Amino acid sequence: MKILKLVLVIVGIVLIVLGLYQAFVPQQVVDIGPLEVSAKEGISNQTLGMIGLGVVALIAGAFLKNRK
């Protein structure tokens, strides 16, 4: 159970960090002649879902009890 607890905490932290990175780091704009391609900036549903899953994994890892 200690391994599962550690994995959940690590996965939770990684998901939260990646979600915050996607939300606040500006995306690049590609300009190819008359064609301009830009990525959507800001907080999207995918970013919110990633942060939410990270929080759930972190809470689950924190409250997971050890078996004896």
N, C-alpha and C. Protein backbone atom coordinates (compact mmCIF):
# COMPACT_ATOMS: atom_id res chain seq x y z
N MET A 1 0.81 -1.19 0.00
CA MET A 1 0.00 0.00 0.00
C MET A 1 0.85 1.26 0.00
N LYS A 2 2.05 1.17 0.57
CA LYS A 2 2.91 2.34 0.58
C LYS A 2 3.31 2.74 -0.84
N ILE A 3 3.51 1.74 -1.70
CA ILE A 3 3.89 2.02 -3.09
C ILE A 3 2.72 2.69 -3.81
N LEU A 4 1.50 2.18 -3.63
CA LEU A 4 0.33 2.78 -4.26
C LEU A 4 0.12 4.21 -3.77
N LYS A 5 0.31 4.42 -2.49
CA LYS A 5 0.18 5.76 -1.91
C LYS A 5 1.20 6.71 -2.53
N LEU A 6 2.43 6.27 -2.66
CA LEU A 6 3.49 7.09 -3.24
C LEU A 6 3.21 7.38 -4.73
N VAL A 7 2.76 6.37 -5.46
CA VAL A 7 2.45 6.56 -6.88
C VAL A 7 1.30 7.55 -7.06
N LEU A 8 0.26 7.45 -6.24
CA LEU A 8 -0.86 8.39 -6.34
C LEU A 8 -0.43 9.82 -6.05
N VAL A 9 0.40 10.00 -5.06
CA VAL A 9 0.87 11.35 -4.72
C VAL A 9 1.73 11.91 -5.84
N ILE A 10 2.62 11.11 -6.40
CA ILE A 10 3.49 11.58 -7.49
C ILE A 10 2.66 11.89 -8.73
N VAL A 11 1.73 11.01 -9.10
CA VAL A 11 0.89 11.24 -10.27
C VAL A 11 0.03 12.49 -10.06
N GLY A 12 -0.48 12.68 -8.86
CA GLY A 12 -1.27 13.87 -8.57
C GLY A 12 -0.48 15.14 -8.74
N ILE A 13 0.74 15.17 -8.23
CA ILE A 13 1.59 16.35 -8.35
C ILE A 13 1.94 16.62 -9.81
N VAL A 14 2.28 15.56 -10.55
CA VAL A 14 2.64 15.73 -11.97
C VAL A 14 1.45 16.26 -12.77
N LEU A 15 0.25 15.73 -12.54
CA LEU A 15 -0.92 16.20 -13.27
C LEU A 15 -1.25 17.66 -12.96
N ILE A 16 -1.12 18.05 -11.71
CA ILE A 16 -1.38 19.44 -11.34
C ILE A 16 -0.37 20.36 -11.99
N VAL A 17 0.90 19.99 -11.96
CA VAL A 17 1.95 20.83 -12.55
C VAL A 17 1.75 20.94 -14.06
N LEU A 18 1.46 19.84 -14.74
CA LEU A 18 1.23 19.89 -16.19
C LEU A 18 0.00 20.72 -16.54
N GLY A 19 -1.05 20.60 -15.76
CA GLY A 19 -2.24 21.40 -16.01
C GLY A 19 -1.98 22.88 -15.84
N LEU A 20 -1.25 23.24 -14.79
CA LEU A 20 -0.92 24.65 -14.58
C LEU A 20 0.02 25.16 -15.66
N TYR A 21 0.94 24.32 -16.12
CA TYR A 21 1.85 24.70 -17.19
C TYR A 21 1.07 25.00 -18.47
N GLN A 22 0.12 24.13 -18.81
CA GLN A 22 -0.68 24.33 -20.02
C GLN A 22 -1.56 25.57 -19.90
N ALA A 23 -1.98 25.90 -18.69
CA ALA A 23 -2.89 27.02 -18.51
C ALA A 23 -2.18 28.36 -18.59
N PHE A 24 -0.94 28.45 -18.12
CA PHE A 24 -0.32 29.75 -17.96
C PHE A 24 0.89 30.02 -18.85
N VAL A 25 1.44 29.01 -19.52
CA VAL A 25 2.56 29.24 -20.43
C VAL A 25 1.99 29.50 -21.82
N PRO A 26 2.36 30.63 -22.43
CA PRO A 26 1.79 30.94 -23.76
C PRO A 26 2.24 29.92 -24.81
N GLN A 27 1.32 29.62 -25.72
CA GLN A 27 1.60 28.67 -26.80
C GLN A 27 2.20 29.42 -27.98
N GLN A 28 2.90 28.71 -28.84
CA GLN A 28 3.56 29.32 -29.98
C GLN A 28 2.58 29.50 -31.14
N VAL A 29 2.82 30.52 -31.92
CA VAL A 29 2.05 30.77 -33.14
C VAL A 29 2.95 30.49 -34.33
N VAL A 30 2.48 29.65 -35.26
CA VAL A 30 3.25 29.29 -36.44
C VAL A 30 2.73 30.12 -37.61
N ASP A 31 3.62 30.80 -38.28
CA ASP A 31 3.26 31.64 -39.42
C ASP A 31 3.93 31.09 -40.67
N ILE A 32 3.15 30.51 -41.59
CA ILE A 32 3.68 29.95 -42.83
C ILE A 32 3.04 30.70 -43.99
N GLY A 33 3.74 31.71 -44.47
CA GLY A 33 3.21 32.50 -45.59
C GLY A 33 1.89 33.14 -45.21
N PRO A 34 0.85 32.92 -46.02
CA PRO A 34 -0.45 33.51 -45.70
C PRO A 34 -1.23 32.72 -44.63
N LEU A 35 -0.72 31.56 -44.25
CA LEU A 35 -1.40 30.70 -43.29
C LEU A 35 -0.83 30.94 -41.89
N GLU A 36 -1.71 31.19 -40.94
CA GLU A 36 -1.28 31.38 -39.55
C GLU A 36 -1.99 30.36 -38.67
N VAL A 37 -1.22 29.59 -37.92
CA VAL A 37 -1.77 28.56 -37.04
C VAL A 37 -1.42 28.95 -35.62
N SER A 38 -2.44 29.04 -34.77
CA SER A 38 -2.18 29.38 -33.37
C SER A 38 -2.90 28.38 -32.48
N ALA A 39 -2.29 28.11 -31.35
CA ALA A 39 -2.88 27.19 -30.39
C ALA A 39 -3.79 27.98 -29.45
N LYS A 40 -4.79 27.31 -28.92
CA LYS A 40 -5.71 27.96 -27.99
C LYS A 40 -4.99 28.21 -26.68
N GLU A 41 -5.08 29.43 -26.21
CA GLU A 41 -4.44 29.79 -24.95
C GLU A 41 -5.48 29.84 -23.84
N GLY A 42 -5.00 29.74 -22.62
CA GLY A 42 -5.89 29.87 -21.48
C GLY A 42 -6.32 28.52 -20.94
N ILE A 43 -7.28 28.57 -20.06
CA ILE A 43 -7.74 27.36 -19.38
C ILE A 43 -8.85 26.72 -20.21
N SER A 44 -8.63 25.48 -20.61
CA SER A 44 -9.63 24.73 -21.37
C SER A 44 -10.20 23.63 -20.48
N ASN A 45 -11.17 22.91 -21.01
CA ASN A 45 -11.75 21.80 -20.26
C ASN A 45 -10.73 20.70 -19.99
N GLN A 46 -9.84 20.47 -20.95
CA GLN A 46 -8.81 19.46 -20.77
C GLN A 46 -7.86 19.84 -19.63
N THR A 47 -7.50 21.12 -19.56
CA THR A 47 -6.62 21.60 -18.50
C THR A 47 -7.29 21.47 -17.14
N LEU A 48 -8.56 21.87 -17.07
CA LEU A 48 -9.29 21.75 -15.80
C LEU A 48 -9.45 20.30 -15.38
N GLY A 49 -9.69 19.42 -16.35
CA GLY A 49 -9.80 17.99 -16.04
C GLY A 49 -8.50 17.42 -15.52
N MET A 50 -7.39 17.84 -16.13
CA MET A 50 -6.09 17.36 -15.69
C MET A 50 -5.79 17.81 -14.26
N ILE A 51 -6.08 19.08 -13.97
CA ILE A 51 -5.86 19.59 -12.61
C ILE A 51 -6.79 18.88 -11.63
N GLY A 52 -8.04 18.67 -12.03
CA GLY A 52 -9.00 17.98 -11.16
C GLY A 52 -8.58 16.55 -10.85
N LEU A 53 -8.13 15.82 -11.87
CA LEU A 53 -7.67 14.45 -11.64
C LEU A 53 -6.42 14.43 -10.76
N GLY A 54 -5.57 15.42 -10.92
CA GLY A 54 -4.39 15.52 -10.07
C GLY A 54 -4.75 15.73 -8.62
N VAL A 55 -5.74 16.59 -8.38
CA VAL A 55 -6.18 16.84 -7.01
C VAL A 55 -6.82 15.59 -6.41
N VAL A 56 -7.63 14.89 -7.20
CA VAL A 56 -8.26 13.65 -6.71
C VAL A 56 -7.21 12.60 -6.39
N ALA A 57 -6.20 12.44 -7.25
CA ALA A 57 -5.14 11.46 -7.00
C ALA A 57 -4.33 11.85 -5.76
N LEU A 58 -4.08 13.13 -5.59
CA LEU A 58 -3.33 13.60 -4.42
C LEU A 58 -4.11 13.36 -3.13
N ILE A 59 -5.39 13.64 -3.14
CA ILE A 59 -6.22 13.40 -1.96
C ILE A 59 -6.34 11.91 -1.68
N ALA A 60 -6.52 11.10 -2.72
CA ALA A 60 -6.62 9.65 -2.53
C ALA A 60 -5.32 9.09 -1.95
N GLY A 61 -4.20 9.59 -2.44
CA GLY A 61 -2.92 9.13 -1.90
C GLY A 61 -2.70 9.57 -0.47
N ALA A 62 -3.20 10.73 -0.11
CA ALA A 62 -3.02 11.24 1.25
C ALA A 62 -3.88 10.48 2.26
N PHE A 63 -5.08 10.06 1.85
CA PHE A 63 -6.00 9.41 2.79
C PHE A 63 -6.00 7.89 2.69
N LEU A 64 -5.17 7.32 1.85
CA LEU A 64 -5.09 5.87 1.72
C LEU A 64 -4.45 5.29 2.99
N LYS A 65 -5.13 4.33 3.58
CA LYS A 65 -4.62 3.74 4.84
C LYS A 65 -3.76 2.53 4.55
N ASN A 66 -2.77 2.34 5.38
CA ASN A 66 -1.88 1.18 5.25
C ASN A 66 -2.52 -0.06 5.85
N ARG A 67 -2.37 -1.20 5.17
CA ARG A 67 -2.86 -2.47 5.71
C ARG A 67 -1.76 -3.13 6.51
N LYS A 68 -2.16 -3.86 7.51
CA LYS A 68 -1.18 -4.58 8.33
C LYS A 68 -1.30 -6.06 8.14
